[in-house]
Amino acid sequence: MPNTTVPAAGEVMPAVEGMNIIGRFSRRPIIVMGDVAMAAAAMQIDRDAASIAASLAMIHGGKYHIQIDHLLGFVLVVQS
């Protein structure tokens, strides 16, 4: 009879929250769940999306709407 129970993610990897990841190219530690780093990354995404919308407006004219969903990892830039 197969084992049908699956442990929760927190039970399997309890130390993930404070774990450092080494950068692929820089070899410097990257803080995974740092509040300041997450806020800075979110602001960078907002700036990048606004830059894309402004570039599209210059090329094609019109106004563009930006929708960002950080939980789904989704960025939408569409002409309004």
Protein backbone atom coordinates (compact mmCIF):
# COMPACT_ATOMS: atom_id res chain seq x y z
CA MET A 1 0.00 0.00 0.00
CA PRO A 2 1.60 3.32 -1.03
CA ASN A 3 2.22 6.14 1.42
CA THR A 4 -0.23 8.89 0.40
CA THR A 5 0.74 11.50 2.98
CA VAL A 6 2.95 14.39 1.94
CA PRO A 7 4.70 16.54 4.57
CA ALA A 8 4.11 20.29 4.52
CA ALA A 9 6.87 22.45 3.02
CA GLY A 10 7.73 23.88 6.43
CA GLU A 11 8.36 20.41 7.80
CA VAL A 12 10.64 19.42 4.96
CA MET A 13 12.71 22.61 4.72
CA PRO A 14 12.46 24.47 8.06
CA ALA A 15 15.61 26.58 7.56
CA VAL A 16 14.74 28.09 4.18
CA GLU A 17 13.69 31.46 5.65
CA GLY A 18 17.14 32.58 6.72
CA MET A 19 19.14 30.73 4.11
CA ASN A 20 21.56 32.71 1.96
CA ILE A 21 21.87 31.93 -1.72
CA ILE A 22 25.16 32.60 -3.48
CA GLY A 23 24.86 34.78 -6.59
CA ARG A 24 25.56 32.93 -9.81
CA PHE A 25 28.01 35.46 -11.26
CA SER A 26 29.05 37.64 -8.33
CA ARG A 27 29.47 34.77 -5.82
CA ARG A 28 28.17 37.17 -3.14
CA PRO A 29 25.45 36.05 -0.71
CA ILE A 30 21.92 37.14 -1.59
CA ILE A 31 19.44 37.46 1.29
CA VAL A 32 16.34 35.50 0.29
CA MET A 33 13.68 37.01 2.53
CA GLY A 34 15.09 40.41 3.51
CA ASP A 35 12.31 43.01 3.80
CA VAL A 36 14.49 45.81 2.44
CA ALA A 37 15.69 43.72 -0.49
CA MET A 38 12.13 42.63 -1.30
CA ALA A 39 10.84 46.22 -1.19
CA ALA A 40 13.70 47.40 -3.41
CA ALA A 41 13.02 44.59 -5.89
CA ALA A 42 9.30 45.44 -5.98
CA MET A 43 10.13 49.10 -6.64
CA GLN A 44 12.49 48.05 -9.44
CA ILE A 45 9.71 46.01 -11.05
CA ASP A 46 7.37 49.02 -10.83
CA ARG A 47 10.00 51.27 -12.45
CA ASP A 48 10.73 48.76 -15.20
CA ALA A 49 7.04 48.33 -16.02
CA ALA A 50 6.56 52.11 -16.11
CA SER A 51 9.57 52.41 -18.41
CA ILE A 52 8.13 49.79 -20.77
CA ALA A 53 4.76 51.58 -20.77
CA ALA A 54 6.42 54.93 -21.53
CA SER A 55 8.45 53.41 -24.37
CA LEU A 56 5.35 51.80 -25.87
CA ALA A 57 3.51 55.13 -25.64
CA MET A 58 6.34 56.88 -27.48
CA ILE A 59 6.42 54.24 -30.21
CA HIS A 60 2.71 53.53 -30.66
CA GLY A 61 0.99 56.49 -28.99
CA GLY A 62 -1.88 56.26 -26.54
CA LYS A 63 -1.86 55.43 -22.86
CA TYR A 64 -0.83 52.14 -21.32
CA HIS A 65 -2.15 50.42 -18.21
CA ILE A 66 0.19 48.48 -15.92
CA GLN A 67 -0.98 45.59 -13.76
CA ILE A 68 1.49 43.80 -11.47
CA ASP A 69 0.67 40.76 -9.35
CA HIS A 70 3.64 39.86 -7.16
CA LEU A 71 1.98 36.72 -5.79
CA LEU A 72 1.49 35.21 -9.24
CA GLY A 73 4.69 36.68 -10.70
CA PHE A 74 2.71 38.45 -13.41
CA VAL A 75 3.30 41.82 -15.10
CA LEU A 76 0.87 43.17 -17.72
CA VAL A 77 1.37 46.29 -19.83
CA VAL A 78 -1.58 46.89 -22.14
CA GLN A 79 -2.87 49.84 -24.16
CA SER A 80 -5.91 51.38 -22.50
